N, C-alpha and C. Protein backbone atom coordinates (compact mmCIF):
# COMPACT_ATOMS: atom_id res chain seq x y z
N MET A 1 1.48 30.90 -14.46
CA MET A 1 1.12 30.36 -13.66
C MET A 1 0.06 29.22 -14.45
N ALA A 2 -0.61 29.64 -14.84
CA ALA A 2 -1.64 28.35 -15.84
C ALA A 2 -0.88 27.32 -16.05
N ASP A 3 0.57 27.61 -17.11
CA ASP A 3 1.77 26.75 -18.00
C ASP A 3 1.54 25.76 -16.63
N SER A 4 2.31 26.09 -15.26
CA SER A 4 2.30 25.23 -14.24
C SER A 4 1.33 24.59 -14.08
N GLU A 5 0.30 24.97 -13.85
CA GLU A 5 -1.03 24.15 -13.22
C GLU A 5 -1.27 23.20 -14.30
N THR A 6 -1.24 23.58 -15.61
CA THR A 6 -1.74 22.67 -16.68
C THR A 6 -0.38 21.33 -16.38
N SER A 7 1.35 21.69 -16.46
CA SER A 7 1.78 21.00 -16.08
C SER A 7 1.65 19.58 -14.98
N THR A 8 1.01 20.42 -13.93
CA THR A 8 1.06 19.42 -12.63
C THR A 8 -0.06 18.80 -12.66
N SER A 9 -0.80 19.19 -13.45
CA SER A 9 -2.13 17.96 -12.92
C SER A 9 -2.29 17.34 -14.73
N LEU A 10 -1.67 17.35 -15.55
CA LEU A 10 -1.59 16.52 -16.74
C LEU A 10 -0.71 15.45 -16.31
N SER A 11 0.75 15.52 -15.42
CA SER A 11 1.43 14.63 -14.91
C SER A 11 1.41 14.01 -13.78
N ARG A 12 0.36 14.82 -12.79
CA ARG A 12 0.12 13.84 -11.76
C ARG A 12 -0.19 12.21 -11.49
N LEU A 13 -0.62 11.73 -12.76
CA LEU A 13 -0.69 10.14 -12.74
C LEU A 13 -0.04 9.44 -14.04
N SER A 14 1.18 10.40 -14.51
CA SER A 14 1.54 9.94 -15.71
C SER A 14 2.19 8.52 -14.88
N ARG A 15 2.88 8.58 -13.77
CA ARG A 15 3.74 7.22 -13.92
C ARG A 15 3.12 5.78 -13.57
N ARG A 16 1.49 6.13 -13.72
CA ARG A 16 0.65 4.97 -13.60
C ARG A 16 0.87 4.41 -15.10
N ASP A 17 0.86 5.17 -16.41
CA ASP A 17 1.06 4.78 -17.70
C ASP A 17 2.19 3.87 -17.84
N ILE A 18 3.68 4.21 -17.25
CA ILE A 18 4.88 3.84 -16.67
C ILE A 18 4.31 2.23 -16.10
N LEU A 19 3.81 2.10 -15.21
CA LEU A 19 3.88 1.00 -14.15
C LEU A 19 2.97 0.09 -15.17
N SER A 20 1.54 0.61 -15.31
CA SER A 20 1.19 -0.58 -16.40
C SER A 20 1.79 -0.80 -17.83
N THR A 21 2.52 -0.36 -18.39
CA THR A 21 3.49 -0.74 -19.42
C THR A 21 4.32 -2.10 -18.92
N LEU A 22 5.21 -1.47 -17.63
CA LEU A 22 5.76 -2.82 -17.32
C LEU A 22 5.17 -4.00 -17.02
N LEU A 23 3.78 -3.79 -16.13
CA LEU A 23 2.93 -4.72 -16.06
C LEU A 23 2.46 -5.76 -17.44
N THR A 24 2.54 -5.33 -18.30
CA THR A 24 2.15 -6.21 -19.08
C THR A 24 3.24 -6.35 -20.06
N ALA A 25 4.32 -5.86 -20.17
CA ALA A 25 5.54 -6.26 -20.77
C ALA A 25 6.24 -7.45 -19.74
N ALA A 26 6.16 -7.33 -18.61
CA ALA A 26 6.95 -8.20 -17.83
C ALA A 26 5.98 -8.92 -17.15
N GLY A 27 4.66 -9.17 -17.07
CA GLY A 27 3.91 -10.01 -16.36
C GLY A 27 2.84 -10.53 -17.08
N SER A 28 1.80 -9.61 -17.36
CA SER A 28 0.59 -9.67 -17.59
C SER A 28 0.58 -10.62 -18.96
N THR A 29 1.18 -10.07 -19.58
CA THR A 29 1.20 -10.94 -20.96
C THR A 29 1.31 -12.37 -20.50
N ALA A 30 2.20 -12.72 -19.96
CA ALA A 30 3.08 -14.06 -19.67
C ALA A 30 2.03 -14.80 -19.06
N PHE A 31 1.23 -14.12 -17.78
CA PHE A 31 0.55 -15.18 -17.49
C PHE A 31 -1.39 -15.45 -18.05
N ASP A 32 -1.33 -14.38 -19.15
CA ASP A 32 -2.30 -14.10 -20.06
C ASP A 32 -2.18 -15.29 -21.23
N ARG A 33 -0.96 -15.68 -22.13
CA ARG A 33 -0.89 -16.33 -23.02
C ARG A 33 -0.44 -17.56 -22.62
N THR A 34 0.36 -18.05 -21.87
CA THR A 34 0.49 -19.44 -21.54
C THR A 34 0.38 -19.72 -20.19
N GLY A 35 -0.12 -18.89 -19.39
CA GLY A 35 -0.77 -19.66 -17.99
C GLY A 35 0.51 -19.93 -17.15
N VAL A 36 0.88 -21.18 -16.59
CA VAL A 36 1.85 -21.39 -15.48
C VAL A 36 2.26 -22.69 -16.13
N ALA A 37 2.94 -23.06 -16.62
CA ALA A 37 3.59 -24.43 -17.21
C ALA A 37 3.62 -25.34 -16.45
N ARG A 38 3.86 -24.97 -14.98
CA ARG A 38 4.40 -25.93 -14.13
C ARG A 38 3.29 -26.51 -13.38
N ALA A 39 1.96 -26.28 -13.38
CA ALA A 39 1.23 -26.85 -12.55
C ALA A 39 -0.21 -26.06 -12.67
N THR A 40 -1.31 -26.12 -13.46
CA THR A 40 -2.09 -25.40 -13.91
C THR A 40 -3.55 -25.67 -12.92
N THR A 41 -2.91 -26.61 -12.06
CA THR A 41 -4.00 -26.77 -10.95
C THR A 41 -3.60 -25.64 -9.89
N GLU A 42 -2.61 -25.88 -9.45
CA GLU A 42 -2.04 -24.84 -8.78
C GLU A 42 -2.43 -23.50 -8.93
N LEU A 43 -2.15 -23.24 -10.52
CA LEU A 43 -3.18 -22.14 -10.67
C LEU A 43 -4.24 -21.60 -10.37
N GLN A 44 -5.44 -22.70 -10.33
CA GLN A 44 -6.19 -22.56 -10.15
C GLN A 44 -6.68 -22.36 -8.47
N GLU A 45 -5.90 -23.09 -7.68
CA GLU A 45 -6.16 -23.15 -6.35
C GLU A 45 -5.24 -21.83 -5.60
N ASP A 46 -4.47 -21.28 -5.85
CA ASP A 46 -3.70 -19.93 -5.34
C ASP A 46 -4.83 -19.10 -4.87
N PRO A 47 -4.94 -18.58 -4.21
CA PRO A 47 -5.87 -17.39 -3.78
C PRO A 47 -4.89 -16.17 -4.13
N ALA A 48 -3.70 -16.44 -4.05
CA ALA A 48 -2.82 -14.99 -4.31
C ALA A 48 -3.20 -14.87 -5.87
N LEU A 49 -2.85 -15.68 -6.72
CA LEU A 49 -3.10 -15.74 -8.00
C LEU A 49 -4.22 -15.10 -8.87
N ALA A 50 -4.98 -15.68 -7.57
CA ALA A 50 -6.72 -15.09 -7.91
C ALA A 50 -6.77 -13.47 -7.81
N ALA A 51 -6.31 -13.29 -6.65
CA ALA A 51 -6.25 -12.02 -6.21
C ALA A 51 -5.34 -10.76 -6.90
N TRP A 52 -4.25 -11.33 -7.66
CA TRP A 52 -3.67 -10.62 -8.97
C TRP A 52 -4.49 -10.70 -9.85
N LYS A 53 -5.39 -11.18 -10.30
CA LYS A 53 -6.34 -11.49 -11.25
C LYS A 53 -7.25 -10.28 -11.12
N PHE A 54 -7.49 -9.74 -10.36
CA PHE A 54 -8.71 -9.08 -10.08
C PHE A 54 -8.29 -7.57 -9.72
N TRP A 55 -6.64 -7.84 -8.89
CA TRP A 55 -6.13 -6.50 -9.14
C TRP A 55 -6.13 -5.43 -10.62
N ARG A 56 -5.48 -6.67 -11.40
CA ARG A 56 -5.18 -6.33 -12.71
C ARG A 56 -6.21 -5.92 -13.70
N SER A 57 -7.18 -6.28 -12.98
CA SER A 57 -8.22 -6.23 -14.22
C SER A 57 -8.80 -4.70 -13.64
N ALA A 58 -8.64 -4.13 -12.45
CA ALA A 58 -8.83 -2.76 -11.64
C ALA A 58 -8.08 -1.69 -12.15
N HIS A 59 -6.82 -2.52 -12.32
CA HIS A 59 -5.70 -1.54 -12.59
C HIS A 59 -5.94 -0.77 -13.91
N ARG A 60 -6.09 -1.83 -14.86
CA ARG A 60 -6.24 -1.70 -16.37
C ARG A 60 -7.99 -0.59 -16.49
N LYS A 61 -8.80 -0.82 -15.48
CA LYS A 61 -9.87 0.33 -15.74
C LYS A 61 -9.86 1.77 -15.25
N ALA A 62 -8.35 1.71 -14.32
CA ALA A 62 -8.36 2.87 -13.35
C ALA A 62 -7.08 3.48 -14.29
N LEU A 63 -6.60 2.74 -15.29
CA LEU A 63 -5.51 3.39 -15.90
C LEU A 63 -6.42 3.84 -17.03
N THR A 64 -7.48 3.03 -17.87
CA THR A 64 -8.07 3.20 -19.01
C THR A 64 -9.06 5.06 -18.35
N TRP A 65 -9.55 5.01 -17.32
CA TRP A 65 -10.33 6.75 -17.22
C TRP A 65 -8.96 7.30 -16.71
N CYS A 66 -7.86 7.47 -16.01
CA CYS A 66 -6.82 8.38 -16.19
C CYS A 66 -6.56 8.39 -17.18
N ARG A 67 -6.40 7.60 -18.79
CA ARG A 67 -5.94 8.21 -19.60
C ARG A 67 -7.00 8.82 -20.52
N LYS A 68 -8.52 8.88 -20.19
CA LYS A 68 -9.59 9.47 -20.54
C LYS A 68 -9.10 11.20 -19.73
N GLN A 69 -9.07 11.18 -18.95
CA GLN A 69 -9.66 12.38 -17.89
C GLN A 69 -8.38 13.28 -18.15
N GLN A 70 -7.28 12.58 -18.66
CA GLN A 70 -5.91 13.67 -18.99
C GLN A 70 -6.53 13.90 -20.51
N ARG A 71 -6.94 12.99 -21.26
CA ARG A 71 -7.00 13.68 -22.73
C ARG A 71 -7.69 14.98 -22.34
N LEU A 72 -8.91 15.08 -21.77
CA LEU A 72 -9.98 15.98 -21.71
C LEU A 72 -9.32 16.79 -21.08
N GLU A 73 -8.91 16.73 -20.15
CA GLU A 73 -7.96 17.77 -19.56
C GLU A 73 -7.45 18.78 -20.55
N THR A 74 -6.59 18.04 -21.40
CA THR A 74 -5.76 18.18 -22.42
C THR A 74 -6.24 19.20 -23.37
N VAL A 75 -7.26 18.81 -23.80
CA VAL A 75 -8.47 19.45 -24.94
C VAL A 75 -9.20 20.49 -24.22
N LEU A 76 -9.53 20.46 -22.68
CA LEU A 76 -9.77 21.91 -21.78
C LEU A 76 -8.91 22.90 -21.98
N ALA A 77 -7.61 22.65 -21.50
CA ALA A 77 -6.72 23.38 -21.55
C ALA A 77 -6.09 24.43 -22.76
N ARG A 78 -6.02 23.48 -23.28
CA ARG A 78 -5.69 24.08 -24.88
C ARG A 78 -6.95 25.05 -25.68
N THR A 79 -8.22 24.69 -25.51
CA THR A 79 -9.38 24.98 -26.06
C THR A 79 -9.62 26.51 -25.11
N ILE A 80 -9.88 26.11 -23.77
CA ILE A 80 -10.61 27.03 -22.71
C ILE A 80 -9.39 27.66 -21.99
N GLY A 81 -8.50 26.81 -21.90
CA GLY A 81 -7.45 27.63 -20.80
C GLY A 81 -7.90 27.33 -19.46
N PHE A 82 -6.91 27.31 -18.58
CA PHE A 82 -7.46 27.26 -17.35
C PHE A 82 -8.20 28.22 -16.74
N PRO A 83 -9.12 28.81 -15.61
CA PRO A 83 -9.62 29.85 -15.43
C PRO A 83 -8.59 30.68 -14.64
N SER A 84 -8.14 32.09 -15.54
CA SER A 84 -7.50 32.86 -14.71
C SER A 84 -7.37 34.07 -15.13
N VAL A 85 -6.70 35.39 -14.36
CA VAL A 85 -6.62 36.49 -14.77
C VAL A 85 -5.33 37.08 -14.45
N THR A 86 -4.56 37.96 -15.61
CA THR A 86 -3.29 38.49 -15.45
C THR A 86 -3.49 39.93 -14.76
N LEU A 87 -2.81 39.97 -13.77
CA LEU A 87 -2.64 41.36 -12.85
C LEU A 87 -1.68 41.66 -13.18
N HIS A 88 -1.67 43.62 -13.60
CA HIS A 88 -0.64 44.00 -13.58
C HIS A 88 -0.45 45.58 -12.65
N ALA A 89 0.66 45.80 -12.25
CA ALA A 89 0.50 46.30 -10.75
C ALA A 89 2.09 47.28 -10.43
N ALA A 90 1.97 48.88 -10.19
CA ALA A 90 3.74 48.95 -10.26
C ALA A 90 4.54 48.48 -9.33
N GLU A 91 3.27 48.16 -7.93
CA GLU A 91 4.09 47.34 -7.01
C GLU A 91 4.82 45.72 -7.02
N LEU A 92 4.45 45.25 -8.16
CA LEU A 92 4.50 43.96 -8.90
C LEU A 92 6.21 44.29 -9.74
N ARG A 93 6.56 43.36 -9.54
CA ARG A 93 7.96 43.33 -10.49
C ARG A 93 7.64 42.67 -11.99
N GLN A 94 6.68 41.89 -11.98
CA GLN A 94 6.38 41.71 -13.24
C GLN A 94 4.75 40.86 -13.35
N PRO A 95 4.44 41.03 -14.28
CA PRO A 95 2.77 40.59 -14.47
C PRO A 95 2.39 39.25 -13.66
N VAL A 96 1.37 38.73 -13.07
CA VAL A 96 0.79 37.85 -12.22
C VAL A 96 -0.12 37.58 -12.72
N ARG A 97 -0.09 35.62 -12.90
CA ARG A 97 -1.48 34.95 -13.25
C ARG A 97 -1.93 34.40 -11.95
N ILE A 98 -3.76 34.80 -12.23
CA ILE A 98 -3.48 34.20 -10.73
C ILE A 98 -5.30 33.54 -11.26
N GLY A 99 -5.69 32.21 -10.55
CA GLY A 99 -6.87 31.60 -11.01
C GLY A 99 -7.92 31.46 -9.79
N SER A 100 -7.78 32.60 -8.97
CA SER A 100 -8.88 32.58 -7.67
C SER A 100 -8.74 34.07 -7.21
N LEU A 101 -9.85 34.13 -6.37
CA LEU A 101 -10.19 35.20 -5.43
C LEU A 101 -8.85 35.30 -4.60
N GLU A 102 -8.52 33.97 -3.97
CA GLU A 102 -7.75 33.68 -3.04
C GLU A 102 -6.58 34.47 -3.14
N SER A 103 -6.34 33.82 -4.57
CA SER A 103 -4.64 34.17 -4.70
C SER A 103 -4.88 35.73 -4.99
N PHE A 104 -5.89 36.74 -5.65
CA PHE A 104 -6.10 38.23 -5.84
C PHE A 104 -5.75 38.60 -4.54
N GLU A 105 -6.17 38.44 -3.50
CA GLU A 105 -6.09 38.93 -2.04
C GLU A 105 -4.87 38.58 -1.65
N ASP A 106 -3.99 37.32 -1.86
CA ASP A 106 -2.43 37.77 -1.58
C ASP A 106 -1.84 38.91 -2.47
N CYS A 107 -2.21 38.95 -3.87
CA CYS A 107 -1.34 39.40 -4.58
C CYS A 107 -1.62 41.03 -4.07
N ALA A 108 -3.11 41.07 -3.75
CA ALA A 108 -3.29 42.96 -3.27
C ALA A 108 -2.94 42.95 -1.81
N ARG A 109 -2.47 42.63 -1.11
CA ARG A 109 -1.69 42.34 0.08
C ARG A 109 -0.58 42.96 -0.05
N ILE A 110 0.21 42.69 -1.11
CA ILE A 110 1.18 43.05 -2.00
C ILE A 110 1.38 44.29 -2.28
N ALA A 111 0.55 44.26 -3.46
CA ALA A 111 0.15 45.62 -4.17
C ALA A 111 -1.31 46.24 -3.99
N PRO A 112 -1.17 47.32 -2.96
CA PRO A 112 -2.62 47.38 -2.68
C PRO A 112 -3.56 48.24 -3.66
N SER A 113 -2.90 48.63 -4.66
CA SER A 113 -3.29 49.37 -5.87
C SER A 113 -4.28 48.07 -6.51
N LEU A 114 -4.01 47.03 -6.14
CA LEU A 114 -5.29 45.99 -7.18
C LEU A 114 -6.28 46.16 -6.29
N HIS A 115 -6.68 46.61 -5.22
CA HIS A 115 -8.10 46.23 -4.80
C HIS A 115 -9.19 46.96 -5.26
N ARG A 116 -8.59 48.09 -6.01
CA ARG A 116 -9.71 48.76 -6.99
C ARG A 116 -10.38 47.38 -7.98
N MET A 117 -9.55 46.83 -8.93
CA MET A 117 -9.76 45.88 -9.51
C MET A 117 -10.61 44.49 -8.93
N ARG A 118 -10.74 44.40 -7.77
CA ARG A 118 -11.12 43.13 -7.21
C ARG A 118 -13.08 42.69 -8.14
N GLU A 119 -13.67 43.79 -8.35
CA GLU A 119 -15.13 43.35 -9.01
C GLU A 119 -14.67 42.92 -10.46
N PHE A 120 -13.85 43.57 -10.98
CA PHE A 120 -13.43 43.02 -12.19
C PHE A 120 -12.76 41.57 -12.39
N VAL A 121 -11.84 41.59 -11.19
CA VAL A 121 -10.99 39.92 -11.24
C VAL A 121 -12.32 39.29 -11.27
N ALA A 122 -13.08 39.23 -10.28
CA ALA A 122 -13.90 38.45 -9.93
C ALA A 122 -14.57 38.30 -11.28
N THR A 123 -15.25 39.13 -11.99
CA THR A 123 -16.01 38.83 -12.91
C THR A 123 -15.59 37.85 -13.81
N GLU A 124 -14.68 38.46 -14.31
CA GLU A 124 -13.12 37.71 -15.30
C GLU A 124 -13.19 35.89 -14.88
N LEU A 125 -12.89 35.96 -13.80
CA LEU A 125 -12.79 34.65 -13.15
C LEU A 125 -14.25 33.60 -13.16
N CYS A 126 -15.42 34.29 -12.94
CA CYS A 126 -16.29 33.67 -13.48
C CYS A 126 -16.83 33.20 -14.55
N VAL A 127 -16.63 34.48 -15.68
CA VAL A 127 -17.18 34.13 -17.16
C VAL A 127 -15.79 32.98 -17.17
N HIS A 128 -14.73 33.02 -17.21
CA HIS A 128 -14.10 31.84 -17.48
C HIS A 128 -13.95 30.52 -17.05
N GLN A 129 -14.64 30.83 -15.77
CA GLN A 129 -15.21 29.39 -15.25
C GLN A 129 -16.21 28.69 -16.07
N ALA A 130 -17.27 29.41 -16.29
CA ALA A 130 -18.73 29.27 -17.12
C ALA A 130 -18.03 28.62 -18.17
N ARG A 131 -16.90 29.58 -19.02
CA ARG A 131 -16.95 28.75 -20.26
C ARG A 131 -16.09 27.38 -20.09
N TRP A 132 -15.59 27.10 -19.15
CA TRP A 132 -14.89 25.73 -18.86
C TRP A 132 -15.70 24.92 -18.20
N ASP A 133 -16.67 25.70 -17.63
CA ASP A 133 -17.78 24.39 -17.46
C ASP A 133 -18.59 23.96 -18.19
N ASP A 134 -19.33 24.83 -18.81
CA ASP A 134 -20.03 24.56 -20.32
C ASP A 134 -19.17 23.21 -21.55
N MET A 135 -17.80 23.69 -21.34
CA MET A 135 -16.89 22.73 -22.33
C MET A 135 -17.12 21.18 -21.59
N ASP A 136 -16.77 21.43 -20.14
CA ASP A 136 -16.59 20.45 -19.23
C ASP A 136 -17.87 19.46 -19.56
N ARG A 137 -18.85 19.99 -19.59
CA ARG A 137 -20.28 19.13 -19.37
C ARG A 137 -20.57 18.55 -21.14
N GLU A 138 -20.18 19.04 -22.10
CA GLU A 138 -19.80 19.01 -23.20
C GLU A 138 -19.43 17.82 -23.63
N ILE A 139 -17.95 17.56 -22.83
CA ILE A 139 -16.89 16.57 -23.07
C ILE A 139 -17.20 15.43 -22.01
N GLY A 140 -17.43 15.89 -20.85
CA GLY A 140 -17.50 14.92 -20.40
C GLY A 140 -16.16 14.63 -19.32
N TYR A 141 -15.53 15.69 -18.90
CA TYR A 141 -14.10 15.85 -18.37
C TYR A 141 -14.34 15.36 -16.40
N SER A 142 -15.25 16.26 -15.89
CA SER A 142 -15.76 16.02 -14.68
C SER A 142 -16.09 14.52 -14.54
N ILE A 143 -16.96 14.14 -15.44
CA ILE A 143 -17.13 12.28 -14.99
C ILE A 143 -16.34 11.42 -15.27
N ALA A 144 -15.43 11.60 -16.03
CA ALA A 144 -14.28 10.87 -16.13
C ALA A 144 -13.09 11.31 -15.06
N VAL A 145 -13.01 12.26 -14.52
CA VAL A 145 -11.97 12.57 -13.58
C VAL A 145 -12.86 11.74 -12.15
N ARG A 146 -13.97 11.74 -12.06
CA ARG A 146 -14.94 10.87 -11.05
C ARG A 146 -14.94 9.55 -11.31
N GLN A 147 -14.95 9.03 -12.71
CA GLN A 147 -14.66 7.78 -12.57
C GLN A 147 -13.70 6.83 -12.09
N GLU A 148 -12.10 8.10 -12.43
CA GLU A 148 -11.06 7.56 -12.18
C GLU A 148 -10.31 7.49 -11.07
N GLU A 149 -11.25 8.33 -9.84
CA GLU A 149 -11.22 8.32 -9.05
C GLU A 149 -11.50 7.19 -8.19
N ILE A 150 -12.93 6.83 -8.57
CA ILE A 150 -13.68 5.45 -7.80
C ILE A 150 -13.06 4.50 -8.41
N SER A 151 -12.36 4.10 -9.40
CA SER A 151 -11.75 3.16 -9.66
C SER A 151 -10.43 3.10 -9.27
N SER A 152 -9.89 3.94 -9.00
CA SER A 152 -8.51 4.17 -8.57
C SER A 152 -8.68 3.57 -6.92
N ALA A 153 -9.51 3.97 -6.39
CA ALA A 153 -9.82 3.21 -4.83
C ALA A 153 -9.96 1.88 -5.45
N GLU A 154 -10.82 1.79 -6.07
CA GLU A 154 -11.14 -0.19 -6.39
C GLU A 154 -9.80 -0.38 -6.00
N GLU A 155 -8.96 -0.16 -7.12
CA GLU A 155 -7.49 -0.92 -7.21
C GLU A 155 -6.61 -0.55 -6.02
N ALA A 156 -6.85 0.50 -5.55
CA ALA A 156 -5.92 0.20 -3.94
C ALA A 156 -6.55 -0.78 -3.52
N GLN A 157 -7.78 -0.74 -2.81
CA GLN A 157 -8.73 -2.17 -2.02
C GLN A 157 -8.09 -3.24 -2.40
N LEU A 158 -8.37 -3.64 -4.11
CA LEU A 158 -7.69 -5.22 -4.15
C LEU A 158 -6.25 -5.21 -4.49
N ALA A 159 -5.11 -4.24 -4.04
CA ALA A 159 -3.86 -4.12 -3.99
C ALA A 159 -3.72 -4.90 -2.48
N ASP A 160 -4.56 -4.17 -1.89
CA ASP A 160 -4.19 -4.82 -0.21
C ASP A 160 -4.59 -5.72 -0.06
N GLN A 161 -5.83 -6.10 -0.58
CA GLN A 161 -6.67 -7.55 -0.50
C GLN A 161 -5.10 -8.55 -1.16
N LEU A 162 -4.73 -8.72 -1.94
CA LEU A 162 -3.63 -9.09 -2.93
C LEU A 162 -2.44 -8.93 -1.79
N PHE A 163 -1.98 -8.14 -1.57
CA PHE A 163 -0.54 -8.04 -0.51
C PHE A 163 -1.59 -8.95 0.72
N SER A 164 -2.42 -8.92 1.40
CA SER A 164 -2.79 -9.47 2.64
C SER A 164 -2.92 -11.08 2.22
N ILE A 165 -2.70 -11.76 1.28
CA ILE A 165 -3.39 -13.35 1.15
C ILE A 165 -2.10 -13.99 0.94
N ASP A 166 -2.06 -15.11 1.47
CA ASP A 166 -0.67 -15.75 1.07
C ASP A 166 -0.51 -16.63 -0.01
N ALA A 167 0.58 -16.34 -0.75
CA ALA A 167 1.02 -17.32 -2.02
C ALA A 167 0.79 -19.06 -1.70
N THR A 168 0.53 -19.66 -2.04
CA THR A 168 0.51 -21.01 -2.41
C THR A 168 1.55 -21.55 -3.62
N SER A 169 1.71 -20.87 -4.35
CA SER A 169 2.94 -21.19 -5.50
C SER A 169 4.03 -20.35 -6.09
N ILE A 170 4.53 -20.32 -6.67
CA ILE A 170 5.38 -19.54 -6.87
C ILE A 170 4.83 -18.75 -7.98
N ALA A 171 3.97 -19.10 -8.59
CA ALA A 171 3.02 -18.25 -9.70
C ALA A 171 2.34 -17.22 -8.87
N GLY A 172 1.84 -17.17 -7.48
CA GLY A 172 1.23 -16.65 -6.36
C GLY A 172 2.19 -15.26 -6.14
N ILE A 173 3.46 -16.15 -5.82
CA ILE A 173 4.92 -15.03 -5.16
C ILE A 173 4.69 -14.36 -6.35
N THR A 174 5.11 -14.64 -7.07
CA THR A 174 5.40 -13.72 -9.00
C THR A 174 4.16 -12.36 -8.97
N ALA A 175 3.23 -12.90 -8.46
CA ALA A 175 2.09 -12.10 -8.97
C ALA A 175 2.25 -11.11 -7.98
N LYS A 176 2.65 -11.68 -6.65
CA LYS A 176 2.60 -10.56 -5.92
C LYS A 176 3.56 -9.49 -5.75
N ILE A 177 4.43 -10.37 -6.10
CA ILE A 177 5.80 -9.03 -6.15
C ILE A 177 5.54 -8.03 -7.77
N ASP A 178 5.07 -8.57 -8.48
CA ASP A 178 4.59 -7.71 -9.90
C ASP A 178 3.94 -6.82 -8.96
N GLY A 179 2.42 -7.02 -8.56
CA GLY A 179 2.06 -6.12 -7.88
C GLY A 179 2.33 -4.97 -7.03
N LEU A 180 3.38 -5.61 -6.12
CA LEU A 180 4.04 -4.41 -5.45
C LEU A 180 4.89 -3.53 -6.11
N ILE A 181 5.83 -4.12 -7.48
CA ILE A 181 6.64 -3.13 -8.21
C ILE A 181 5.66 -2.27 -9.12
N ALA A 182 4.42 -2.99 -9.43
CA ALA A 182 3.54 -1.90 -10.10
C ALA A 182 3.01 -0.97 -9.03
N THR A 183 2.63 -1.13 -7.90
CA THR A 183 2.12 -0.07 -7.02
C THR A 183 3.11 1.03 -6.42
N GLY A 184 4.28 0.35 -6.29
CA GLY A 184 5.41 0.99 -5.34
C GLY A 184 6.83 1.60 -6.02
N GLU A 185 7.22 1.30 -7.58
CA GLU A 185 8.33 1.80 -7.84
C GLU A 185 7.82 2.92 -8.36
N PRO A 186 9.07 3.97 -8.24
CA PRO A 186 8.89 5.41 -8.56
C PRO A 186 8.92 5.57 -10.21
N GLY A 187 9.55 4.53 -11.07
CA GLY A 187 10.18 4.86 -12.33
C GLY A 187 10.00 3.36 -12.98
N GLU A 188 9.88 3.22 -13.93
CA GLU A 188 10.27 1.90 -14.85
C GLU A 188 11.78 1.56 -14.43
N THR A 189 12.38 2.83 -15.00
CA THR A 189 13.77 1.82 -14.71
C THR A 189 14.35 2.48 -13.12
N SER A 190 13.67 2.45 -12.43
CA SER A 190 14.21 3.16 -11.02
C SER A 190 15.59 2.30 -10.61
N ASP A 191 16.67 2.65 -10.37
CA ASP A 191 17.95 2.03 -9.72
C ASP A 191 17.69 1.80 -8.22
N GLU A 192 16.80 2.78 -7.65
CA GLU A 192 16.93 2.99 -5.93
C GLU A 192 16.84 1.50 -5.27
N PHE A 193 17.28 1.15 -4.47
CA PHE A 193 17.09 -0.12 -3.81
C PHE A 193 15.58 -0.33 -3.37
N PRO A 194 14.49 -1.36 -3.31
CA PRO A 194 14.99 -2.25 -3.76
C PRO A 194 14.63 -2.58 -5.23
N TRP A 195 14.16 -1.56 -5.53
CA TRP A 195 12.99 -2.18 -7.46
C TRP A 195 14.47 -2.60 -7.98
N PRO A 196 15.87 -2.39 -8.19
CA PRO A 196 16.42 -3.26 -9.27
C PRO A 196 16.62 -4.98 -8.67
N GLU A 197 16.24 -5.03 -7.60
CA GLU A 197 16.47 -6.25 -7.08
C GLU A 197 15.28 -6.71 -7.14
N LEU A 198 13.94 -6.16 -6.73
CA LEU A 198 12.87 -6.66 -6.97
C LEU A 198 12.46 -7.71 -8.62
N ARG A 199 12.96 -6.55 -9.35
CA ARG A 199 12.01 -6.26 -10.42
C ARG A 199 13.36 -7.81 -10.89
N LYS A 200 14.49 -8.08 -10.49
CA LYS A 200 15.81 -9.35 -11.09
C LYS A 200 14.82 -10.34 -10.39
N ILE A 201 14.27 -10.43 -9.35
CA ILE A 201 13.86 -11.31 -8.64
C ILE A 201 12.58 -11.97 -9.23
N ARG A 202 11.38 -10.69 -9.76
CA ARG A 202 10.51 -11.18 -10.47
C ARG A 202 11.08 -11.95 -11.98
N SER A 203 11.83 -11.77 -12.37
CA SER A 203 12.11 -11.92 -13.71
C SER A 203 12.82 -13.31 -13.73
N ASN A 204 13.53 -13.66 -12.47
CA ASN A 204 14.02 -15.14 -11.81
C ASN A 204 12.80 -16.10 -11.81
N LEU A 205 11.46 -15.83 -11.37
CA LEU A 205 10.35 -16.26 -10.89
C LEU A 205 9.58 -16.31 -12.45
N PHE A 206 9.85 -16.00 -13.15
CA PHE A 206 9.35 -16.14 -14.96
C PHE A 206 9.68 -17.51 -15.07
N GLN A 207 11.37 -16.75 -15.20
CA GLN A 207 12.03 -18.22 -15.87
C GLN A 207 12.07 -19.18 -15.46
N ILE A 208 11.67 -18.98 -14.27
CA ILE A 208 11.37 -20.73 -13.28
C ILE A 208 10.10 -20.94 -13.74
N ILE A 209 9.15 -19.97 -13.56
CA ILE A 209 7.86 -20.51 -13.98
C ILE A 209 7.51 -21.38 -15.71
N HIS A 210 8.23 -20.89 -16.52
CA HIS A 210 8.10 -20.93 -17.83
C HIS A 210 8.96 -21.64 -18.34
N GLN A 211 9.76 -22.76 -17.57
CA GLN A 211 10.83 -24.23 -17.86
C GLN A 211 9.42 -24.97 -18.22
N PRO A 212 9.89 -25.62 -19.29
CA PRO A 212 9.06 -27.00 -19.19
C PRO A 212 9.09 -27.54 -18.08
N ILE A 213 7.70 -28.47 -17.75
CA ILE A 213 7.90 -29.55 -16.76
C ILE A 213 8.93 -30.35 -16.93
N GLY A 214 9.82 -30.94 -16.23
CA GLY A 214 10.86 -32.01 -15.71
C GLY A 214 12.06 -31.31 -16.22
N HIS A 215 11.81 -30.31 -16.34
CA HIS A 215 13.37 -29.18 -17.25
C HIS A 215 14.20 -29.50 -15.68
N THR A 216 15.65 -29.45 -16.20
CA THR A 216 16.75 -29.69 -14.82
C THR A 216 17.67 -29.10 -14.94
N GLY A 217 17.63 -27.82 -16.02
CA GLY A 217 18.60 -26.81 -16.46
C GLY A 217 20.04 -27.40 -17.23
């Protein structure tokens, strides 16, 4: 059970890493280095592009905290381990690892002989949790989790603003599509509709944006 908990917890936001990589490789680098070659004033006046830049900054901040809390959780899981106790009983087909008294009660209903172990299990879980909490305070894991939650909420709010604003330039439209892909695509190379199509549209728009002024093809 501990291994399952570790895997679930550490992978819950792994998609953010993939999407951030996609954003950097396909979108933000182009905007950061060269801007939009076709009209600088267009960039300055398009509210959608401005909203995209605010959202991107929040996205990067959330990503930073996400990576930090994942790294610290890995340290805790490897050093202390998620608080748990392994139960053995004749009524159970195999040993069961539980992480809470609620889980213990569920097992005890199946294996009544476990009831006599309740106090021992409660003590063991408490001791293990105390060790986890001590190291948590030392390395700042819970702080990182909270900061990731705050920055993710800010990112979501700015994403809503981005999608609600009307774009007035090709760059603004491209930014909105880029944000849509980053927040909605289930995977970097998802072949489910409409993600390949949206990636293609975004690529076409980038090509148009970065054509020299006066280029006719």
